[in-house]
């Protein structure tokens, strides 16, 4: 019970905890103020009693001091400290120096707080007052507590009884008017969720016209709206099912077309439309492996347009792109359908010739060189001609990687450029 009250998991207990905590705090505050008020009133009463004692004993003490009657003075002091409200007596001479200081408590166990009153000790001689010193009577907080303890005990017991009674009344009231209806509401909500019956409604027994009844009405209205919406959704689902099937079929066809386009974009050069470097090398590797299995020769031709940077710098990159397209179209017209053409990067191109000897590859390369050298490109009433350098390398049976064949052909291409360009080097 205490655990569920201190750490409530439902709204009713949480509200009960808040209300009871507020009431408990207010009760403690009022009780504390009552105790403080009683304490201060008792302290004032004891101060008045101390003042009356001072008025009573100041005369005999003054007589004892004037007559130097120490025995009488000690007897007076001993009688004072035996009184219930006095915990200490101090007598100082007219210069403030202590003469007598008596306490009823040991030095190491002083009360929590002390207070007192001070009166002058005088002797009248020939109608003249002579100051003999000062008398101070002390009382303490323990004296006050002894007087108010019983009254405070009654106040505390009364407060505890009221808190206990109200606590159980709170529990009964919250359980009767809030917790039980809420539990019943949650139970019926769970039944509606588990039954999947759209026509089932919530009905709380024995509830008045209050927030819970209005909540029940709102939830039933919500269930009715959900039922109508569910019926409309079923109708819409049936109406849209055929449309969705047709849309899916159309979308599937569009995706197939897009996949083909993406495949082309991934494997082909966007400018010239021929294979890009990665696809060219991958396909050439397969053709090389096929040539090895068939024990037939294969050849690789690497081509690089001569002074292509100068064309870009002179005429611009747009004209440079037209040159690359023109070069690709011219080479394609010469190659066989089985030959593989790809752009390796920039102005560098490659051709793999399956089932082709080195001599036939050199002849084809020279044919391509002549076709490029004799062709012209017309643009903006101007004519542009260019040349190409080619490196030819034939595959051997021990060649397993197109990369090795590529490296040898690349050396031949650099040889062609070093020997003056516009030539074929084998």
Protein backbone atom coordinates (compact mmCIF):
# COMPACT_ATOMS: atom_id res chain seq x y z
CA UNK A 1 0.00 0.00 0.00
CA UNK A 2 2.73 2.45 0.95
CA UNK A 3 4.70 1.61 -2.21
CA UNK A 4 1.71 2.22 -4.46
CA UNK A 5 1.06 5.49 -2.64
CA UNK A 6 4.65 6.74 -2.84
CA UNK A 7 5.10 5.62 -6.47
CA UNK A 8 1.61 5.60 -7.99
CA UNK A 9 1.08 4.13 -11.45
CA UNK A 10 -2.40 5.50 -12.07
CA UNK A 11 -3.97 8.93 -12.10
CA UNK A 12 -6.29 8.52 -9.11
CA UNK A 13 -3.50 7.51 -6.72
CA UNK A 14 -1.28 10.24 -8.05
CA UNK A 15 -3.99 12.84 -7.37
CA UNK A 16 -4.56 11.36 -3.91
CA UNK A 17 -0.83 11.56 -3.19
CA UNK A 18 -0.67 15.19 -4.29
CA UNK A 19 -3.71 16.25 -2.24
CA UNK A 20 -2.60 14.33 0.84
CA UNK A 21 0.95 15.66 0.54
CA UNK A 22 -0.35 19.23 0.36
CA UNK A 23 -2.60 18.67 3.37
CA UNK A 24 0.22 16.99 5.29
CA UNK A 25 2.53 19.92 4.56
CA UNK A 26 -0.08 22.47 5.61
CA UNK A 27 -0.83 20.50 8.81
CA UNK A 28 2.87 20.30 9.67
CA UNK A 29 3.27 24.03 9.01
CA UNK A 30 0.28 24.95 11.20
CA UNK A 31 1.45 22.61 13.96
CA UNK A 32 4.94 24.13 13.81
CA UNK A 33 3.51 27.65 14.00
CA UNK A 34 1.38 26.63 16.98
CA UNK A 35 4.41 25.17 18.71
CA UNK A 36 6.48 28.29 17.97
CA UNK A 37 3.70 30.53 19.26
CA UNK A 38 3.38 28.49 22.45
CA UNK A 39 7.14 28.51 22.88
CA UNK A 40 7.35 32.30 22.59
CA UNK A 41 4.40 32.82 24.95
CA UNK A 42 5.99 30.53 27.55
CA UNK A 43 9.32 32.32 27.18
CA UNK A 44 7.62 35.70 27.85
CA UNK A 45 5.88 34.20 30.87
CA UNK A 46 9.18 32.89 32.28
CA UNK A 47 10.83 36.30 31.69
CA UNK A 48 8.07 37.94 33.71
CA UNK A 49 8.61 35.43 36.49
CA UNK A 50 12.37 36.12 36.43
CA UNK A 51 11.72 39.86 36.73
CA UNK A 52 9.44 39.29 39.73
CA UNK A 53 12.10 37.12 41.37
CA UNK A 54 14.71 39.82 40.78
CA UNK A 55 12.48 42.39 42.45
CA UNK A 56 11.98 39.99 45.36
CA UNK A 57 15.61 38.96 45.93
CA UNK A 58 17.45 42.12 44.86
CA UNK A 59 16.88 43.72 48.31
CA UNK A 60 18.23 40.81 50.42
CA UNK A 61 21.17 40.34 48.03
CA UNK A 62 21.97 44.07 48.20
CA UNK A 63 21.86 43.87 52.03
CA UNK A 64 24.21 40.89 52.02
CA UNK A 65 26.65 42.69 49.71
CA UNK A 66 26.58 45.91 51.79
CA UNK A 67 27.11 44.05 55.01
CA UNK A 68 29.60 41.62 53.49
CA UNK A 69 27.50 38.74 54.74
CA UNK A 70 28.82 35.96 52.53
CA UNK A 71 26.90 33.18 54.27
CA UNK A 72 23.60 34.92 53.74
CA UNK A 73 24.53 35.65 50.10
CA UNK A 74 25.45 32.00 49.44
CA UNK A 75 22.20 30.87 51.01
CA UNK A 76 20.22 33.26 48.78
CA UNK A 77 22.05 32.09 45.63
CA UNK A 78 21.56 28.42 46.57
CA UNK A 79 17.86 29.04 47.05
CA UNK A 80 17.59 30.80 43.68
CA UNK A 81 19.24 28.05 41.61
CA UNK A 82 16.94 25.47 43.18
CA UNK A 83 13.92 27.21 41.66
CA UNK A 84 12.50 25.34 38.58
CA UNK A 85 12.75 28.26 36.18
CA UNK A 86 16.34 29.30 37.04
CA UNK A 87 19.38 27.57 35.51
CA UNK A 88 22.00 30.15 36.48
CA UNK A 89 22.76 33.26 38.58
CA UNK A 90 25.45 35.90 37.94
CA UNK A 91 26.42 38.75 40.35
CA UNK A 92 28.89 41.37 39.13
CA UNK A 93 30.33 44.32 41.08
CA UNK A 94 29.82 47.93 40.12
CA UNK A 95 32.77 47.71 37.70
CA UNK A 96 31.28 44.73 35.88
CA UNK A 97 33.71 42.22 37.31
CA UNK A 98 32.06 38.86 38.15
CA UNK A 99 31.68 38.12 41.83
CA UNK A 100 29.45 35.02 41.75
CA UNK A 101 28.53 32.80 38.82
CA UNK A 102 26.44 29.74 39.61
CA UNK A 103 24.97 27.15 37.05
CA UNK A 104 22.87 24.10 37.69
CA UNK A 105 24.25 22.26 34.62
CA UNK A 106 27.81 20.98 34.05
CA UNK A 107 30.06 23.08 31.76
CA UNK A 108 30.01 20.47 28.98
CA UNK A 109 26.20 20.04 28.80
CA UNK A 110 24.82 23.53 28.37
CA UNK A 111 21.18 23.92 27.20
CA UNK A 112 20.39 24.61 23.57
CA UNK A 113 19.74 28.29 24.38
CA UNK A 114 19.57 30.51 27.49
CA UNK A 115 17.97 33.86 28.21
CA UNK A 116 17.72 36.04 31.26
CA UNK A 117 16.98 39.37 32.96
CA UNK A 118 19.35 41.82 34.61
CA UNK A 119 18.67 44.20 37.51
CA UNK A 120 20.82 46.74 39.37
CA UNK A 121 21.79 46.15 43.02
CA UNK A 122 21.66 49.43 45.02
CA UNK A 123 21.94 50.51 48.68
CA UNK A 124 20.30 53.68 49.95
CA UNK A 125 22.45 55.65 52.35
CA UNK A 126 21.27 59.03 53.58
CA UNK A 127 18.72 59.19 50.76
CA UNK A 128 21.44 58.48 48.21
CA UNK A 129 21.59 55.36 46.12
CA UNK A 130 24.92 53.59 46.02
CA UNK A 131 25.48 51.10 43.17
CA UNK A 132 26.69 47.73 44.43
CA UNK A 133 26.61 45.75 41.13
CA UNK A 134 24.30 43.81 38.80
CA UNK A 135 22.13 40.70 39.30
CA UNK A 136 21.37 38.42 36.27
CA UNK A 137 18.98 35.50 36.45
CA UNK A 138 19.06 32.91 33.64
CA UNK A 139 16.52 30.46 32.30
CA UNK A 140 16.83 28.10 29.29
CA UNK A 141 15.00 26.48 26.38
CA UNK A 142 14.76 23.25 28.33
CA UNK A 143 12.61 25.01 30.96
CA UNK A 144 10.30 26.22 28.17
CA UNK A 145 10.14 22.78 26.57
CA UNK A 146 9.27 21.19 29.90
CA UNK A 147 6.25 23.48 30.15
CA UNK A 148 5.06 23.24 26.50
CA UNK A 149 5.93 19.58 25.91
CA UNK A 150 2.64 18.20 27.16
CA UNK A 151 0.59 20.73 25.22
CA UNK A 152 2.62 20.12 22.10
CA UNK A 153 2.23 16.38 22.60
CA UNK A 154 -1.53 16.80 22.58
CA UNK A 155 -1.32 18.95 19.45
CA UNK A 156 0.86 16.36 17.67
CA UNK A 157 -1.41 13.45 18.65
CA UNK A 158 -4.45 15.39 17.44
CA UNK A 159 -2.73 16.16 14.13
CA UNK A 160 -1.70 12.52 13.62
CA UNK A 161 -5.24 11.34 14.31
CA UNK A 162 -6.67 13.86 11.85
CA UNK A 163 -4.09 12.91 9.21
CA UNK A 164 -4.80 9.20 9.64
CA UNK A 165 -8.56 9.61 9.43
CA UNK A 166 -8.34 11.92 6.43
CA UNK A 167 -5.85 9.58 4.72
CA UNK A 168 -8.25 6.65 4.83
CA UNK A 169 -11.16 8.93 3.87
CA UNK A 170 -9.13 10.10 0.89
CA UNK A 171 -8.46 6.50 -0.10
CA UNK A 172 -12.12 5.54 0.18
CA UNK A 173 -13.37 8.62 -1.68
CA UNK A 174 -10.87 8.30 -4.54
CA UNK A 175 -11.47 4.58 -4.90
CA UNK A 176 -15.24 5.02 -4.79
CA UNK A 177 -15.64 7.98 -7.13
CA UNK A 178 -12.57 7.90 -9.38
CA UNK A 179 -10.34 4.80 -9.20
CA UNK A 180 -13.13 2.17 -9.54
CA UNK A 181 -14.87 3.90 -12.48
CA UNK A 182 -11.52 4.41 -14.19
CA UNK A 183 -10.62 0.72 -13.74
CA UNK A 184 -13.98 -0.30 -15.18
CA UNK A 185 -13.46 2.13 -18.07
CA UNK A 186 -10.02 0.69 -18.84
CA UNK A 187 -11.39 -2.87 -18.65
CA UNK A 188 -14.12 -2.13 -21.17
CA UNK A 189 -11.65 -0.31 -23.45
CA UNK A 190 -9.41 -3.40 -23.43
CA UNK A 191 -12.43 -5.59 -24.26
CA UNK A 192 -13.23 -3.36 -27.23
CA UNK A 193 -9.61 -3.56 -28.42
CA UNK A 194 -9.43 -7.35 -28.08
CA UNK A 195 -12.85 -8.09 -29.54
CA UNK A 196 -12.29 -6.12 -32.78
CA UNK A 197 -16.04 -5.55 -32.75
CA UNK A 198 -16.71 -2.14 -34.19
CA UNK A 199 -20.27 -2.09 -32.87
CA UNK A 200 -19.36 -2.63 -29.19
CA UNK A 201 -19.75 0.39 -26.90
CA UNK A 202 -18.62 1.38 -23.38
CA UNK A 203 -21.20 1.43 -20.57
CA UNK A 204 -20.11 2.37 -17.04
CA UNK A 205 -22.55 1.34 -14.27
CA UNK A 206 -23.84 3.72 -11.62
CA UNK A 207 -22.13 6.92 -12.72
CA UNK A 208 -23.52 10.41 -12.27
CA UNK A 209 -23.57 13.20 -14.81
CA UNK A 210 -19.93 14.21 -14.41
CA UNK A 211 -16.61 14.16 -16.24
CA UNK A 212 -16.54 10.34 -16.39
CA UNK A 213 -19.97 10.14 -17.99
CA UNK A 214 -18.99 12.78 -20.53
CA UNK A 215 -15.74 10.89 -21.19
CA UNK A 216 -17.80 7.73 -21.78
CA UNK A 217 -20.00 9.61 -24.26
CA UNK A 218 -16.99 11.01 -26.12
CA UNK A 219 -15.35 7.58 -26.33
CA UNK A 220 -18.57 6.00 -27.65
CA UNK A 221 -18.86 8.79 -30.20
CA UNK A 222 -15.25 8.12 -31.19
CA UNK A 223 -15.96 4.39 -31.56
CA UNK A 224 -18.98 5.16 -33.76
CA UNK A 225 -16.87 7.48 -35.92
CA UNK A 226 -14.17 4.81 -36.16
CA UNK A 227 -16.79 2.27 -37.27
CA UNK A 228 -18.04 4.60 -40.02
CA UNK A 229 -14.48 5.35 -41.09
CA UNK A 230 -13.65 1.64 -41.20
CA UNK A 231 -16.63 0.95 -43.45
CA UNK A 232 -15.61 3.79 -45.76
CA UNK A 233 -12.02 2.52 -45.80
CA UNK A 234 -13.19 -0.98 -46.79
CA UNK A 235 -15.24 0.48 -49.62
CA UNK A 236 -12.33 2.64 -50.75
CA UNK A 237 -9.96 -0.33 -50.54
CA UNK A 238 -12.17 -2.43 -52.76
CA UNK A 239 -12.51 0.45 -55.24
CA UNK A 240 -8.77 1.12 -55.31
CA UNK A 241 -7.55 -2.48 -55.41
CA UNK A 242 -7.99 -2.85 -59.17
CA UNK A 243 -6.53 0.61 -59.74
CA UNK A 244 -3.50 -0.26 -57.61
CA UNK A 245 -2.95 -3.52 -59.49
CA UNK A 246 -2.98 -1.64 -62.79
CA UNK A 247 -0.72 1.10 -61.38
CA UNK A 248 1.73 -1.51 -60.06
CA UNK A 249 1.85 -3.19 -63.47
CA UNK A 250 2.50 0.14 -65.18
CA UNK A 251 5.07 1.10 -62.59
CA UNK A 252 6.83 -2.23 -62.97
CA UNK A 253 7.12 -1.65 -66.71
CA UNK A 254 8.47 1.87 -66.10
CA UNK A 255 10.99 0.51 -63.60
CA UNK A 256 12.21 -2.04 -66.13
CA UNK A 257 12.75 0.74 -68.65
CA UNK A 258 14.52 2.85 -66.01
CA UNK A 259 16.70 -0.10 -65.03
CA UNK A 260 17.78 -0.49 -68.63
CA UNK A 261 18.58 3.22 -68.78
CA UNK A 262 20.49 3.03 -65.50
CA UNK A 263 22.41 0.05 -66.81
CA UNK A 264 23.37 2.05 -69.88
CA UNK A 265 24.38 5.02 -67.70
CA UNK A 266 26.49 2.76 -65.50
CA UNK A 267 28.26 1.00 -68.37
CA UNK A 268 28.43 3.62 -71.14
CA UNK A 269 30.17 6.94 -71.58
CA UNK A 270 27.59 9.72 -71.38
CA UNK A 271 29.16 11.77 -74.23
CA UNK A 272 30.02 9.22 -76.90
CA UNK A 273 27.61 6.42 -76.02
CA UNK A 274 30.32 3.73 -76.08
CA UNK A 275 31.53 1.68 -73.11
CA UNK A 276 33.22 3.53 -70.25
CA UNK A 277 36.59 2.50 -68.85
CA UNK A 278 35.32 0.05 -66.21
CA UNK A 279 32.83 -1.71 -68.50
CA UNK A 280 35.36 -1.87 -71.35
CA UNK A 281 38.05 -3.49 -69.19
CA UNK A 282 35.53 -5.91 -67.62
CA UNK A 283 34.17 -7.02 -71.01
CA UNK A 284 37.65 -7.18 -72.53
CA UNK A 285 38.73 -9.45 -69.66
CA UNK A 286 35.90 -11.87 -70.53
CA UNK A 287 36.83 -11.78 -74.24
CA UNK A 288 40.48 -12.41 -73.35
CA UNK A 289 39.52 -15.45 -71.25
CA UNK A 290 37.36 -16.71 -74.14
CA UNK A 291 40.30 -16.33 -76.58
CA UNK A 292 42.52 -18.34 -74.22
CA UNK A 293 39.97 -21.17 -73.99
CA UNK A 294 39.54 -21.21 -77.78
CA UNK A 295 43.33 -20.79 -78.28
CA UNK A 296 42.64 -17.96 -80.68
CA UNK A 297 44.57 -14.69 -80.86
CA UNK A 298 43.21 -11.39 -79.59
CA UNK A 299 44.50 -7.84 -79.98
CA UNK A 300 44.20 -4.61 -78.05
CA UNK A 301 44.50 -1.20 -79.71
CA UNK A 302 44.93 1.92 -77.59
CA UNK A 303 44.26 5.27 -79.31
CA UNK A 304 44.96 8.81 -78.21
CA UNK A 305 43.94 11.94 -80.12
CA UNK A 306 46.96 14.09 -80.98
CA UNK A 307 47.14 17.60 -79.51
CA UNK A 308 43.61 17.36 -78.18
CA UNK A 309 44.37 19.88 -75.42
CA UNK A 310 45.27 22.42 -78.09
CA UNK A 311 41.88 21.84 -79.74
CA UNK A 312 40.12 22.53 -76.41
CA UNK A 313 42.23 25.60 -75.70
CA UNK A 314 41.76 27.00 -79.21
CA UNK A 315 38.13 26.21 -80.02
CA UNK A 316 36.65 25.47 -76.58
CA UNK A 317 35.36 22.37 -74.85
CA UNK A 318 32.13 22.28 -76.87
CA UNK A 319 34.11 21.78 -80.08
CA UNK A 320 36.33 19.30 -78.21
CA UNK A 321 33.25 17.24 -77.34
CA UNK A 322 32.18 17.31 -81.00
CA UNK A 323 35.61 16.01 -81.97
CA UNK A 324 35.28 13.09 -79.55
CA UNK A 325 31.84 12.23 -80.94
CA UNK A 326 33.12 12.52 -84.51
CA UNK A 327 36.07 10.28 -83.68
CA UNK A 328 33.78 7.65 -82.11
CA UNK A 329 31.41 7.61 -85.10
CA UNK A 330 34.31 7.31 -87.57
CA UNK A 331 35.90 4.39 -85.68
CA UNK A 332 32.56 2.59 -85.22
CA UNK A 333 32.01 2.61 -89.00
CA UNK A 334 35.26 0.68 -89.49
CA UNK A 335 34.98 -1.92 -86.68
CA UNK A 336 33.13 -5.23 -86.80
CA UNK A 337 30.09 -5.92 -84.61
CA UNK A 338 32.17 -8.36 -82.58
CA UNK A 339 34.87 -5.74 -81.87
CA UNK A 340 34.78 -3.92 -78.53
CA UNK A 341 35.12 -0.10 -78.41
CA UNK A 342 35.41 1.96 -75.23
CA UNK A 343 36.44 5.38 -73.97
CA UNK A 344 39.18 4.98 -71.38
CA UNK A 345 39.27 8.60 -70.26
CA UNK A 346 39.63 12.05 -71.82
CA UNK A 347 40.79 11.63 -75.39
CA UNK A 348 42.04 8.03 -74.92
CA UNK A 349 40.11 5.14 -76.46
CA UNK A 350 40.53 1.39 -76.65
CA UNK A 351 39.52 -1.39 -79.07
CA UNK A 352 39.65 -5.10 -78.29
CA UNK A 353 39.66 -7.33 -81.37
CA UNK A 354 38.76 -10.97 -80.63
CA UNK A 355 40.06 -13.68 -82.99
CA UNK A 356 42.47 -11.19 -84.62
CA UNK A 357 46.19 -11.61 -85.23
CA UNK A 358 48.74 -8.89 -84.63
CA UNK A 359 49.21 -8.20 -88.37
CA UNK A 360 45.46 -7.89 -88.95
CA UNK A 361 45.17 -5.63 -85.91
CA UNK A 362 47.98 -3.39 -87.24
CA UNK A 363 46.27 -3.17 -90.61
CA UNK A 364 42.96 -2.22 -88.97
CA UNK A 365 44.72 0.31 -86.77
CA UNK A 366 46.37 1.93 -89.79
CA UNK A 367 43.02 2.00 -91.56
CA UNK A 368 41.51 3.82 -88.60
CA UNK A 369 44.47 6.23 -88.48
CA UNK A 370 44.02 7.05 -92.20
CA UNK A 371 40.26 7.47 -91.83
CA UNK A 372 40.74 9.96 -89.00
CA UNK A 373 43.49 11.84 -90.80
CA UNK A 374 41.42 12.18 -93.97
CA UNK A 375 38.17 13.18 -92.24
CA UNK A 376 37.17 16.72 -91.34
CA UNK A 377 34.72 18.28 -88.85
CA UNK A 378 32.58 21.21 -89.98
CA UNK A 379 31.36 23.75 -87.42
CA UNK A 380 30.42 27.45 -87.60
CA UNK A 381 31.65 27.78 -91.21
CA UNK A 382 35.00 26.35 -90.17
CA UNK A 383 36.79 23.08 -90.92
CA UNK A 384 38.77 21.14 -88.35
CA UNK A 385 41.03 18.14 -88.94
CA UNK A 386 42.98 16.11 -86.39
CA UNK A 387 45.07 12.94 -86.12
CA UNK A 388 45.39 9.99 -83.79
CA UNK A 389 48.25 7.85 -82.44
CA UNK A 390 47.76 4.12 -81.94
CA UNK A 391 49.51 1.37 -79.97
CA UNK A 392 48.80 -2.28 -80.91
CA UNK A 393 49.51 -5.36 -78.78
CA UNK A 394 48.51 -8.99 -79.39
CA UNK A 395 47.53 -11.38 -76.60
CA UNK A 396 49.39 -14.59 -75.88
CA UNK A 397 48.21 -17.82 -74.30
CA UNK A 398 49.98 -16.94 -71.07
CA UNK A 399 48.06 -13.65 -70.73
CA UNK A 400 45.52 -14.04 -67.92
CA UNK A 401 44.77 -10.38 -67.20
CA UNK A 402 43.65 -7.62 -69.52
CA UNK A 403 45.62 -5.24 -67.30
CA UNK A 404 48.93 -6.77 -68.41
CA UNK A 405 47.89 -6.55 -72.07
CA UNK A 406 46.79 -2.95 -71.43
CA UNK A 407 50.17 -2.01 -69.98
CA UNK A 408 52.05 -3.38 -73.05
CA UNK A 409 49.70 -1.63 -75.47
CA UNK A 410 50.07 1.59 -73.49
CA UNK A 411 53.85 1.43 -73.92
CA UNK A 412 53.35 1.07 -77.68
CA UNK A 413 51.00 4.08 -77.66
CA UNK A 414 53.58 6.24 -75.88
CA UNK A 415 56.13 5.01 -78.44
CA UNK A 416 53.89 6.22 -81.27
CA UNK A 417 53.56 9.63 -79.67
CA UNK A 418 57.30 9.84 -79.02
CA UNK A 419 58.05 9.08 -82.69
CA UNK A 420 56.00 11.99 -84.01
CA UNK A 421 52.30 11.04 -83.51
CA UNK A 422 49.83 10.15 -86.28
CA UNK A 423 51.26 6.65 -86.50
CA UNK A 424 50.73 3.07 -85.47
CA UNK A 425 53.26 1.35 -83.24
CA UNK A 426 53.28 -2.44 -82.70
